[in-house]
Amino acid sequence: MARMSAEERRESVIRAATIEFASGGYHGTSTEVIARRVGVSQPYLFRLFPGKKAIFLAVAERCLEDTIRTFADASKGLEGEDALHAMADAYTRVITEQPEWLLMQMQLYVAVGAAEQEGDHEFGEAVRAGWMRLWDTVHVPLGAEVGETTTFLAYGMLINCLVAMGFPPEHRVWEGLYPSARLKGRLER
């Protein structure tokens, strides 16, 4: 069996840390748990990343980049309502098929808020920069209309919260979110 390169090992750390941070959050996840999931020692983990914060920021960056890529791929060549529905469908598919992705997003916002209160602005700066790339990615296909972009992202955050809280698709809180049966069908799977 071939040994993994450092880059392959870094990638496995990011995948493992996504799962661990998604369930335990920044403060509730130890580097020991991440190292164990990857199958490496903590000292080796710290050769790949200088510390827990660096691991979390790498996971946050990946989470945001994956979301940006999902929207960009879905809306490629589309505009307006077509782009909106394509992006909404793609995002709904991802969060239902990979629940850790959604939970990691939620943990990332919590970590930024906690860090900002503690006077640590590094989390916030990195996440805000990624979030602005996300904003720009959906803004143009939606016609570069601020109201459309805001509404799309606001609905997305509401969907994140409802899914994270475990509201079943048939619950009445979803009724206003079904512009078509597509969203409901995706959530019911």
N, C-alpha and C. Protein backbone atom coordinates (compact mmCIF):
# COMPACT_ATOMS: atom_id res chain seq x y z
N MET A 1 0.84 -1.19 0.00
CA MET A 1 0.00 0.00 0.00
C MET A 1 0.88 1.25 0.00
N ALA A 2 0.61 2.15 -0.90
CA ALA A 2 1.41 3.37 -1.03
C ALA A 2 1.11 4.33 0.11
N ARG A 3 2.15 5.02 0.54
CA ARG A 3 1.98 6.02 1.60
C ARG A 3 1.34 7.28 1.00
N MET A 4 0.54 7.94 1.84
CA MET A 4 -0.08 9.18 1.40
C MET A 4 0.93 10.32 1.44
N SER A 5 0.81 11.22 0.49
CA SER A 5 1.63 12.43 0.51
C SER A 5 1.09 13.35 1.60
N ALA A 6 1.88 14.35 1.95
CA ALA A 6 1.44 15.31 2.96
C ALA A 6 0.16 16.02 2.50
N GLU A 7 0.07 16.31 1.19
CA GLU A 7 -1.14 16.98 0.68
C GLU A 7 -2.36 16.07 0.79
N GLU A 8 -2.18 14.79 0.48
CA GLU A 8 -3.28 13.84 0.63
C GLU A 8 -3.69 13.70 2.11
N ARG A 9 -2.71 13.71 2.97
CA ARG A 9 -2.99 13.62 4.41
C ARG A 9 -3.70 14.88 4.89
N ARG A 10 -3.29 16.05 4.39
CA ARG A 10 -3.97 17.31 4.75
C ARG A 10 -5.44 17.23 4.33
N GLU A 11 -5.66 16.69 3.14
CA GLU A 11 -7.03 16.55 2.64
C GLU A 11 -7.83 15.62 3.55
N SER A 12 -7.23 14.54 3.99
CA SER A 12 -7.95 13.63 4.89
C SER A 12 -8.23 14.29 6.23
N VAL A 13 -7.34 15.16 6.69
CA VAL A 13 -7.58 15.91 7.93
C VAL A 13 -8.76 16.85 7.74
N ILE A 14 -8.82 17.54 6.61
CA ILE A 14 -9.93 18.46 6.36
C ILE A 14 -11.26 17.71 6.34
N ARG A 15 -11.30 16.57 5.67
CA ARG A 15 -12.55 15.78 5.62
C ARG A 15 -12.94 15.30 7.03
N ALA A 16 -11.98 14.77 7.77
CA ALA A 16 -12.27 14.28 9.12
C ALA A 16 -12.68 15.42 10.05
N ALA A 17 -11.96 16.53 9.95
CA ALA A 17 -12.27 17.68 10.82
C ALA A 17 -13.64 18.27 10.49
N THR A 18 -14.04 18.20 9.23
CA THR A 18 -15.39 18.68 8.86
C THR A 18 -16.44 17.89 9.64
N ILE A 19 -16.30 16.59 9.67
CA ILE A 19 -17.26 15.75 10.39
C ILE A 19 -17.23 16.05 11.89
N GLU A 20 -16.03 16.16 12.44
CA GLU A 20 -15.91 16.40 13.88
C GLU A 20 -16.39 17.80 14.28
N PHE A 21 -15.95 18.82 13.56
CA PHE A 21 -16.39 20.19 13.87
C PHE A 21 -17.89 20.35 13.63
N ALA A 22 -18.43 19.69 12.62
CA ALA A 22 -19.86 19.79 12.34
C ALA A 22 -20.68 19.33 13.53
N SER A 23 -20.23 18.28 14.18
CA SER A 23 -21.01 17.78 15.32
C SER A 23 -20.62 18.42 16.64
N GLY A 24 -19.34 18.76 16.82
CA GLY A 24 -18.89 19.26 18.11
C GLY A 24 -18.60 20.74 18.19
N GLY A 25 -18.56 21.41 17.06
CA GLY A 25 -18.21 22.83 17.07
C GLY A 25 -16.73 23.03 17.30
N TYR A 26 -16.31 24.26 17.26
CA TYR A 26 -14.89 24.57 17.43
C TYR A 26 -14.42 24.23 18.84
N HIS A 27 -15.11 24.73 19.83
CA HIS A 27 -14.67 24.54 21.21
C HIS A 27 -14.91 23.12 21.71
N GLY A 28 -15.87 22.42 21.14
CA GLY A 28 -16.19 21.07 21.60
C GLY A 28 -15.46 19.96 20.88
N THR A 29 -14.57 20.31 19.97
CA THR A 29 -13.83 19.30 19.19
C THR A 29 -12.35 19.40 19.52
N SER A 30 -11.78 18.30 19.91
CA SER A 30 -10.35 18.29 20.22
C SER A 30 -9.54 17.85 19.02
N THR A 31 -8.29 18.29 18.97
CA THR A 31 -7.41 17.83 17.90
C THR A 31 -7.11 16.35 18.06
N GLU A 32 -7.20 15.84 19.27
CA GLU A 32 -6.99 14.41 19.51
C GLU A 32 -8.05 13.58 18.77
N VAL A 33 -9.30 14.04 18.82
CA VAL A 33 -10.39 13.33 18.13
C VAL A 33 -10.18 13.38 16.62
N ILE A 34 -9.75 14.53 16.11
CA ILE A 34 -9.50 14.65 14.67
C ILE A 34 -8.35 13.73 14.26
N ALA A 35 -7.26 13.75 15.02
CA ALA A 35 -6.11 12.90 14.71
C ALA A 35 -6.51 11.42 14.72
N ARG A 36 -7.31 11.04 15.70
CA ARG A 36 -7.75 9.64 15.80
C ARG A 36 -8.60 9.26 14.58
N ARG A 37 -9.50 10.15 14.17
CA ARG A 37 -10.36 9.86 13.00
C ARG A 37 -9.50 9.69 11.74
N VAL A 38 -8.45 10.49 11.61
CA VAL A 38 -7.59 10.41 10.44
C VAL A 38 -6.64 9.21 10.53
N GLY A 39 -6.32 8.83 11.76
CA GLY A 39 -5.37 7.73 11.96
C GLY A 39 -3.94 8.19 12.02
N VAL A 40 -3.75 9.39 12.57
CA VAL A 40 -2.39 9.93 12.74
C VAL A 40 -2.23 10.37 14.19
N SER A 41 -0.99 10.64 14.56
CA SER A 41 -0.73 11.16 15.90
C SER A 41 -0.98 12.66 15.92
N GLN A 42 -1.20 13.19 17.13
CA GLN A 42 -1.36 14.64 17.23
C GLN A 42 -0.11 15.39 16.77
N PRO A 43 1.10 14.93 17.12
CA PRO A 43 2.28 15.64 16.61
C PRO A 43 2.32 15.68 15.08
N TYR A 44 1.91 14.60 14.42
CA TYR A 44 1.88 14.61 12.95
C TYR A 44 0.82 15.59 12.46
N LEU A 45 -0.32 15.62 13.13
CA LEU A 45 -1.39 16.56 12.77
C LEU A 45 -0.84 17.99 12.80
N PHE A 46 -0.02 18.29 13.82
CA PHE A 46 0.52 19.64 13.95
C PHE A 46 1.68 19.91 13.00
N ARG A 47 2.19 18.89 12.33
CA ARG A 47 3.14 19.13 11.24
C ARG A 47 2.38 19.56 9.99
N LEU A 48 1.14 19.08 9.88
CA LEU A 48 0.32 19.44 8.72
C LEU A 48 -0.35 20.80 8.89
N PHE A 49 -0.76 21.10 10.10
CA PHE A 49 -1.44 22.36 10.45
C PHE A 49 -0.83 22.88 11.74
N PRO A 50 -0.58 24.18 11.85
CA PRO A 50 0.08 24.69 13.05
C PRO A 50 -0.77 24.61 14.33
N GLY A 51 -2.06 24.40 14.20
CA GLY A 51 -2.90 24.32 15.39
C GLY A 51 -4.36 24.10 15.02
N LYS A 52 -5.16 23.98 16.04
CA LYS A 52 -6.59 23.73 15.86
C LYS A 52 -7.26 24.83 15.05
N LYS A 53 -6.89 26.06 15.33
CA LYS A 53 -7.48 27.19 14.61
C LYS A 53 -7.20 27.09 13.11
N ALA A 54 -5.98 26.70 12.75
CA ALA A 54 -5.63 26.57 11.33
C ALA A 54 -6.44 25.45 10.68
N ILE A 55 -6.69 24.38 11.42
CA ILE A 55 -7.51 23.29 10.88
C ILE A 55 -8.93 23.80 10.67
N PHE A 56 -9.47 24.49 11.66
CA PHE A 56 -10.84 25.00 11.54
C PHE A 56 -10.95 25.97 10.37
N LEU A 57 -9.98 26.85 10.22
CA LEU A 57 -10.03 27.82 9.12
C LEU A 57 -9.92 27.11 7.77
N ALA A 58 -9.14 26.04 7.68
CA ALA A 58 -9.06 25.27 6.43
C ALA A 58 -10.41 24.62 6.12
N VAL A 59 -11.07 24.10 7.15
CA VAL A 59 -12.39 23.50 6.97
C VAL A 59 -13.41 24.57 6.58
N ALA A 60 -13.35 25.72 7.24
CA ALA A 60 -14.28 26.82 6.92
C ALA A 60 -14.10 27.26 5.47
N GLU A 61 -12.86 27.41 5.06
CA GLU A 61 -12.57 27.80 3.67
C GLU A 61 -13.12 26.76 2.70
N ARG A 62 -12.92 25.49 2.99
CA ARG A 62 -13.42 24.43 2.13
C ARG A 62 -14.94 24.46 2.05
N CYS A 63 -15.58 24.64 3.19
CA CYS A 63 -17.04 24.68 3.25
C CYS A 63 -17.57 25.82 2.38
N LEU A 64 -16.99 26.99 2.51
CA LEU A 64 -17.43 28.13 1.71
C LEU A 64 -17.12 27.91 0.23
N GLU A 65 -15.95 27.40 -0.08
CA GLU A 65 -15.59 27.17 -1.48
C GLU A 65 -16.49 26.11 -2.12
N ASP A 66 -16.84 25.07 -1.36
CA ASP A 66 -17.76 24.06 -1.88
C ASP A 66 -19.13 24.66 -2.17
N THR A 67 -19.59 25.55 -1.30
CA THR A 67 -20.88 26.20 -1.50
C THR A 67 -20.82 27.11 -2.73
N ILE A 68 -19.74 27.86 -2.86
CA ILE A 68 -19.56 28.73 -4.02
C ILE A 68 -19.55 27.90 -5.29
N ARG A 69 -18.80 26.81 -5.30
CA ARG A 69 -18.73 25.95 -6.49
C ARG A 69 -20.10 25.35 -6.82
N THR A 70 -20.85 24.96 -5.79
CA THR A 70 -22.19 24.41 -6.01
C THR A 70 -23.07 25.42 -6.73
N PHE A 71 -23.07 26.66 -6.27
CA PHE A 71 -23.88 27.70 -6.89
C PHE A 71 -23.37 28.05 -8.29
N ALA A 72 -22.06 28.17 -8.44
CA ALA A 72 -21.49 28.53 -9.74
C ALA A 72 -21.78 27.45 -10.79
N ASP A 73 -21.59 26.20 -10.41
CA ASP A 73 -21.84 25.11 -11.35
C ASP A 73 -23.32 25.04 -11.73
N ALA A 74 -24.19 25.20 -10.73
CA ALA A 74 -25.63 25.11 -10.99
C ALA A 74 -26.14 26.24 -11.88
N SER A 75 -25.58 27.42 -11.72
CA SER A 75 -26.10 28.58 -12.45
C SER A 75 -25.36 28.86 -13.76
N LYS A 76 -24.38 28.06 -14.08
CA LYS A 76 -23.58 28.31 -15.29
C LYS A 76 -24.48 28.41 -16.52
N GLY A 77 -24.39 29.55 -17.19
CA GLY A 77 -25.16 29.79 -18.41
C GLY A 77 -26.61 30.17 -18.17
N LEU A 78 -27.02 30.31 -16.92
CA LEU A 78 -28.41 30.65 -16.60
C LEU A 78 -28.50 32.05 -16.01
N GLU A 79 -29.71 32.60 -16.05
CA GLU A 79 -29.96 33.92 -15.44
C GLU A 79 -31.31 33.92 -14.77
N GLY A 80 -31.51 34.87 -13.88
CA GLY A 80 -32.81 35.11 -13.27
C GLY A 80 -33.41 33.90 -12.59
N GLU A 81 -34.71 33.68 -12.88
CA GLU A 81 -35.46 32.59 -12.25
C GLU A 81 -34.84 31.23 -12.52
N ASP A 82 -34.33 31.03 -13.73
CA ASP A 82 -33.70 29.75 -14.05
C ASP A 82 -32.48 29.51 -13.16
N ALA A 83 -31.66 30.54 -12.99
CA ALA A 83 -30.48 30.44 -12.13
C ALA A 83 -30.90 30.22 -10.68
N LEU A 84 -31.90 30.96 -10.24
CA LEU A 84 -32.39 30.84 -8.86
C LEU A 84 -32.82 29.40 -8.57
N HIS A 85 -33.65 28.83 -9.43
CA HIS A 85 -34.14 27.47 -9.20
C HIS A 85 -33.02 26.43 -9.30
N ALA A 86 -32.11 26.63 -10.23
CA ALA A 86 -30.99 25.69 -10.37
C ALA A 86 -30.10 25.72 -9.14
N MET A 87 -29.81 26.92 -8.63
CA MET A 87 -28.97 27.03 -7.43
C MET A 87 -29.69 26.48 -6.21
N ALA A 88 -30.97 26.79 -6.07
CA ALA A 88 -31.74 26.28 -4.93
C ALA A 88 -31.81 24.76 -4.96
N ASP A 89 -32.06 24.19 -6.12
CA ASP A 89 -32.12 22.73 -6.24
C ASP A 89 -30.77 22.09 -5.91
N ALA A 90 -29.69 22.66 -6.44
CA ALA A 90 -28.35 22.11 -6.19
C ALA A 90 -28.00 22.18 -4.71
N TYR A 91 -28.29 23.31 -4.08
CA TYR A 91 -27.98 23.47 -2.67
C TYR A 91 -28.81 22.51 -1.81
N THR A 92 -30.09 22.41 -2.11
CA THR A 92 -30.96 21.51 -1.35
C THR A 92 -30.48 20.07 -1.47
N ARG A 93 -30.05 19.70 -2.65
CA ARG A 93 -29.54 18.34 -2.87
C ARG A 93 -28.30 18.10 -2.00
N VAL A 94 -27.38 19.07 -1.98
CA VAL A 94 -26.15 18.91 -1.21
C VAL A 94 -26.42 18.81 0.29
N ILE A 95 -27.27 19.67 0.81
CA ILE A 95 -27.48 19.64 2.27
C ILE A 95 -28.28 18.42 2.71
N THR A 96 -29.06 17.83 1.82
CA THR A 96 -29.78 16.62 2.21
C THR A 96 -28.89 15.39 2.06
N GLU A 97 -27.98 15.41 1.10
CA GLU A 97 -27.09 14.26 0.89
C GLU A 97 -25.87 14.29 1.80
N GLN A 98 -25.46 15.49 2.23
CA GLN A 98 -24.27 15.64 3.08
C GLN A 98 -24.61 16.53 4.28
N PRO A 99 -25.34 16.01 5.25
CA PRO A 99 -25.78 16.84 6.37
C PRO A 99 -24.62 17.48 7.15
N GLU A 100 -23.45 16.85 7.15
CA GLU A 100 -22.32 17.45 7.87
C GLU A 100 -21.90 18.77 7.24
N TRP A 101 -22.16 18.93 5.95
CA TRP A 101 -21.83 20.17 5.25
C TRP A 101 -22.67 21.31 5.81
N LEU A 102 -23.97 21.06 5.95
CA LEU A 102 -24.87 22.06 6.52
C LEU A 102 -24.48 22.38 7.96
N LEU A 103 -24.27 21.35 8.77
CA LEU A 103 -23.94 21.56 10.17
C LEU A 103 -22.61 22.30 10.32
N MET A 104 -21.66 22.04 9.43
CA MET A 104 -20.39 22.76 9.48
C MET A 104 -20.60 24.23 9.20
N GLN A 105 -21.47 24.55 8.25
CA GLN A 105 -21.77 25.96 8.00
C GLN A 105 -22.30 26.63 9.25
N MET A 106 -23.23 25.96 9.91
CA MET A 106 -23.83 26.54 11.10
C MET A 106 -22.78 26.71 12.20
N GLN A 107 -21.91 25.73 12.37
CA GLN A 107 -20.84 25.82 13.38
C GLN A 107 -19.87 26.94 13.05
N LEU A 108 -19.66 27.16 11.78
CA LEU A 108 -18.72 28.20 11.39
C LEU A 108 -19.24 29.58 11.77
N TYR A 109 -20.53 29.81 11.62
CA TYR A 109 -21.09 31.10 12.02
C TYR A 109 -21.04 31.28 13.54
N VAL A 110 -21.29 30.22 14.27
CA VAL A 110 -21.21 30.27 15.73
C VAL A 110 -19.77 30.56 16.17
N ALA A 111 -18.81 29.90 15.55
CA ALA A 111 -17.40 30.10 15.90
C ALA A 111 -16.96 31.54 15.64
N VAL A 112 -17.43 32.11 14.54
CA VAL A 112 -17.08 33.51 14.23
C VAL A 112 -17.65 34.42 15.31
N GLY A 113 -18.92 34.22 15.66
CA GLY A 113 -19.54 35.06 16.69
C GLY A 113 -18.81 34.96 18.02
N ALA A 114 -18.47 33.75 18.42
CA ALA A 114 -17.76 33.56 19.69
C ALA A 114 -16.37 34.18 19.65
N ALA A 115 -15.66 33.99 18.54
CA ALA A 115 -14.31 34.55 18.42
C ALA A 115 -14.35 36.08 18.44
N GLU A 116 -15.32 36.66 17.74
CA GLU A 116 -15.44 38.12 17.72
C GLU A 116 -15.66 38.66 19.13
N GLN A 117 -16.48 37.98 19.92
CA GLN A 117 -16.73 38.41 21.30
C GLN A 117 -15.48 38.32 22.15
N GLU A 118 -14.60 37.38 21.81
CA GLU A 118 -13.35 37.21 22.55
C GLU A 118 -12.24 38.11 22.02
N GLY A 119 -12.54 38.92 20.99
CA GLY A 119 -11.56 39.83 20.42
C GLY A 119 -10.68 39.21 19.35
N ASP A 120 -10.98 37.99 18.93
CA ASP A 120 -10.23 37.31 17.88
C ASP A 120 -10.96 37.55 16.57
N HIS A 121 -10.37 38.36 15.70
CA HIS A 121 -11.04 38.73 14.46
C HIS A 121 -10.59 37.91 13.25
N GLU A 122 -9.64 36.99 13.44
CA GLU A 122 -9.14 36.20 12.32
C GLU A 122 -10.23 35.32 11.72
N PHE A 123 -11.00 34.64 12.56
CA PHE A 123 -12.11 33.83 12.05
C PHE A 123 -13.05 34.68 11.21
N GLY A 124 -13.47 35.80 11.80
CA GLY A 124 -14.44 36.65 11.12
C GLY A 124 -13.94 37.18 9.79
N GLU A 125 -12.68 37.62 9.75
CA GLU A 125 -12.13 38.15 8.51
C GLU A 125 -12.13 37.09 7.41
N ALA A 126 -11.70 35.89 7.75
CA ALA A 126 -11.64 34.82 6.75
C ALA A 126 -13.03 34.42 6.28
N VAL A 127 -13.95 34.28 7.22
CA VAL A 127 -15.30 33.85 6.86
C VAL A 127 -16.03 34.94 6.09
N ARG A 128 -15.88 36.19 6.51
CA ARG A 128 -16.53 37.28 5.78
C ARG A 128 -16.01 37.38 4.34
N ALA A 129 -14.72 37.20 4.16
CA ALA A 129 -14.15 37.25 2.80
C ALA A 129 -14.75 36.13 1.94
N GLY A 130 -14.84 34.93 2.50
CA GLY A 130 -15.45 33.82 1.77
C GLY A 130 -16.92 34.06 1.49
N TRP A 131 -17.60 34.62 2.47
CA TRP A 131 -19.02 34.88 2.31
C TRP A 131 -19.27 35.92 1.23
N MET A 132 -18.39 36.90 1.11
CA MET A 132 -18.54 37.90 0.05
C MET A 132 -18.32 37.27 -1.33
N ARG A 133 -17.41 36.28 -1.43
CA ARG A 133 -17.27 35.56 -2.70
C ARG A 133 -18.55 34.79 -3.00
N LEU A 134 -19.16 34.24 -1.96
CA LEU A 134 -20.43 33.54 -2.11
C LEU A 134 -21.51 34.51 -2.60
N TRP A 135 -21.59 35.66 -1.96
CA TRP A 135 -22.56 36.70 -2.36
C TRP A 135 -22.40 37.02 -3.84
N ASP A 136 -21.17 37.29 -4.26
CA ASP A 136 -20.91 37.64 -5.66
C ASP A 136 -21.27 36.51 -6.61
N THR A 137 -21.06 35.29 -6.18
CA THR A 137 -21.36 34.13 -7.03
C THR A 137 -22.85 34.01 -7.32
N VAL A 138 -23.70 34.33 -6.36
CA VAL A 138 -25.14 34.25 -6.61
C VAL A 138 -25.70 35.56 -7.15
N HIS A 139 -25.03 36.65 -6.87
CA HIS A 139 -25.52 37.99 -7.24
C HIS A 139 -25.65 38.16 -8.76
N VAL A 140 -24.63 37.80 -9.49
CA VAL A 140 -24.63 38.03 -10.94
C VAL A 140 -25.69 37.18 -11.64
N PRO A 141 -25.77 35.86 -11.40
CA PRO A 141 -26.81 35.08 -12.08
C PRO A 141 -28.23 35.52 -11.74
N LEU A 142 -28.40 36.12 -10.57
CA LEU A 142 -29.73 36.59 -10.18
C LEU A 142 -30.02 37.98 -10.74
N GLY A 143 -29.21 38.42 -11.67
CA GLY A 143 -29.46 39.69 -12.35
C GLY A 143 -28.79 40.87 -11.68
N ALA A 144 -27.82 40.61 -10.80
CA ALA A 144 -27.10 41.67 -10.08
C ALA A 144 -28.07 42.60 -9.38
N GLU A 145 -29.13 42.03 -8.87
CA GLU A 145 -30.17 42.77 -8.15
C GLU A 145 -30.00 42.46 -6.67
N VAL A 146 -29.71 43.49 -5.89
CA VAL A 146 -29.43 43.32 -4.47
C VAL A 146 -30.59 42.65 -3.72
N GLY A 147 -31.80 43.06 -4.02
CA GLY A 147 -32.96 42.48 -3.35
C GLY A 147 -33.11 40.99 -3.63
N GLU A 148 -32.89 40.58 -4.88
CA GLU A 148 -32.97 39.16 -5.23
C GLU A 148 -31.89 38.35 -4.51
N THR A 149 -30.68 38.91 -4.49
CA THR A 149 -29.57 38.22 -3.83
C THR A 149 -29.84 38.08 -2.33
N THR A 150 -30.29 39.16 -1.72
CA THR A 150 -30.60 39.13 -0.29
C THR A 150 -31.71 38.13 0.01
N THR A 151 -32.76 38.14 -0.78
CA THR A 151 -33.87 37.20 -0.56
C THR A 151 -33.41 35.76 -0.73
N PHE A 152 -32.64 35.48 -1.77
CA PHE A 152 -32.14 34.13 -2.01
C PHE A 152 -31.32 33.65 -0.82
N LEU A 153 -30.38 34.47 -0.36
CA LEU A 153 -29.52 34.07 0.76
C LEU A 153 -30.29 34.00 2.08
N ALA A 154 -31.28 34.87 2.24
CA ALA A 154 -32.10 34.82 3.46
C ALA A 154 -32.92 33.54 3.51
N TYR A 155 -33.51 33.17 2.40
CA TYR A 155 -34.24 31.91 2.34
C TYR A 155 -33.29 30.74 2.61
N GLY A 156 -32.11 30.82 2.04
CA GLY A 156 -31.11 29.76 2.26
C GLY A 156 -30.77 29.60 3.72
N MET A 157 -30.60 30.71 4.42
CA MET A 157 -30.27 30.63 5.85
C MET A 157 -31.45 30.08 6.65
N LEU A 158 -32.65 30.46 6.27
CA LEU A 158 -33.83 29.91 6.95
C LEU A 158 -33.90 28.40 6.72
N ILE A 159 -33.65 27.97 5.50
CA ILE A 159 -33.64 26.54 5.20
C ILE A 159 -32.57 25.85 6.03
N ASN A 160 -31.37 26.45 6.12
CA ASN A 160 -30.31 25.87 6.95
C ASN A 160 -30.80 25.67 8.39
N CYS A 161 -31.42 26.69 8.94
CA CYS A 161 -31.88 26.61 10.33
C CYS A 161 -32.96 25.54 10.50
N LEU A 162 -33.92 25.49 9.60
CA LEU A 162 -35.01 24.52 9.72
C LEU A 162 -34.49 23.09 9.58
N VAL A 163 -33.59 22.87 8.63
CA VAL A 163 -33.02 21.54 8.46
C VAL A 163 -32.18 21.17 9.68
N ALA A 164 -31.35 22.11 10.15
CA ALA A 164 -30.50 21.84 11.31
C ALA A 164 -31.34 21.52 12.56
N MET A 165 -32.50 22.14 12.68
CA MET A 165 -33.38 21.87 13.83
C MET A 165 -34.19 20.60 13.65
N GLY A 166 -34.14 20.02 12.45
CA GLY A 166 -34.81 18.75 12.23
C GLY A 166 -36.29 18.83 11.90
N PHE A 167 -36.76 19.97 11.41
CA PHE A 167 -38.17 20.05 11.01
C PHE A 167 -38.41 19.13 9.82
N PRO A 168 -39.34 18.20 9.91
CA PRO A 168 -39.62 17.31 8.78
C PRO A 168 -40.25 18.10 7.63
N PRO A 169 -40.05 17.62 6.39
CA PRO A 169 -40.53 18.36 5.21
C PRO A 169 -42.03 18.63 5.19
N GLU A 170 -42.81 17.80 5.86
CA GLU A 170 -44.26 18.00 5.86
C GLU A 170 -44.72 18.99 6.93
N HIS A 171 -43.81 19.48 7.77
CA HIS A 171 -44.19 20.42 8.83
C HIS A 171 -44.67 21.75 8.22
N ARG A 172 -45.59 22.39 8.88
CA ARG A 172 -46.18 23.63 8.37
C ARG A 172 -45.18 24.77 8.22
N VAL A 173 -44.04 24.74 8.93
CA VAL A 173 -43.07 25.84 8.82
C VAL A 173 -42.47 25.92 7.42
N TRP A 174 -42.57 24.85 6.64
CA TRP A 174 -42.01 24.83 5.29
C TRP A 174 -42.95 25.41 4.24
N GLU A 175 -44.21 25.56 4.54
CA GLU A 175 -45.21 25.92 3.53
C GLU A 175 -44.85 27.15 2.71
N GLY A 176 -44.36 28.17 3.32
CA GLY A 176 -44.01 29.39 2.59
C GLY A 176 -42.74 29.28 1.77
N LEU A 177 -42.01 28.20 1.94
CA LEU A 177 -40.74 28.03 1.23
C LEU A 177 -40.86 27.19 -0.03
N TYR A 178 -42.04 26.71 -0.34
CA TYR A 178 -42.19 25.83 -1.49
C TYR A 178 -42.70 26.60 -2.71
N PRO A 179 -41.78 27.23 -3.47
CA PRO A 179 -42.22 27.89 -4.70
C PRO A 179 -42.67 26.85 -5.71
N SER A 180 -42.21 25.64 -5.51
CA SER A 180 -42.64 24.52 -6.35
C SER A 180 -42.51 23.27 -5.51
N ALA A 181 -42.96 22.19 -6.02
CA ALA A 181 -42.86 20.92 -5.30
C ALA A 181 -41.43 20.39 -5.28
N ARG A 182 -40.53 21.00 -6.06
CA ARG A 182 -39.14 20.49 -6.15
C ARG A 182 -38.46 20.50 -4.80
N LEU A 183 -38.53 21.60 -4.05
CA LEU A 183 -37.85 21.68 -2.76
C LEU A 183 -38.43 20.64 -1.80
N LYS A 184 -39.72 20.55 -1.74
CA LYS A 184 -40.33 19.58 -0.83
C LYS A 184 -39.91 18.17 -1.21
N GLY A 185 -39.91 17.84 -2.47
CA GLY A 185 -39.51 16.50 -2.91
C GLY A 185 -38.08 16.19 -2.53
N ARG A 186 -37.18 17.16 -2.65
CA ARG A 186 -35.78 16.94 -2.29
C ARG A 186 -35.63 16.72 -0.79
N LEU A 187 -36.35 17.50 0.00
CA LEU A 187 -36.22 17.37 1.46
C LEU A 187 -36.82 16.06 1.97
N GLU A 188 -37.79 15.52 1.27
CA GLU A 188 -38.44 14.30 1.73
C GLU A 188 -37.60 13.05 1.47
N ARG A 189 -36.60 13.16 0.64
CA ARG A 189 -35.77 11.97 0.33
C ARG A 189 -34.92 11.56 1.48
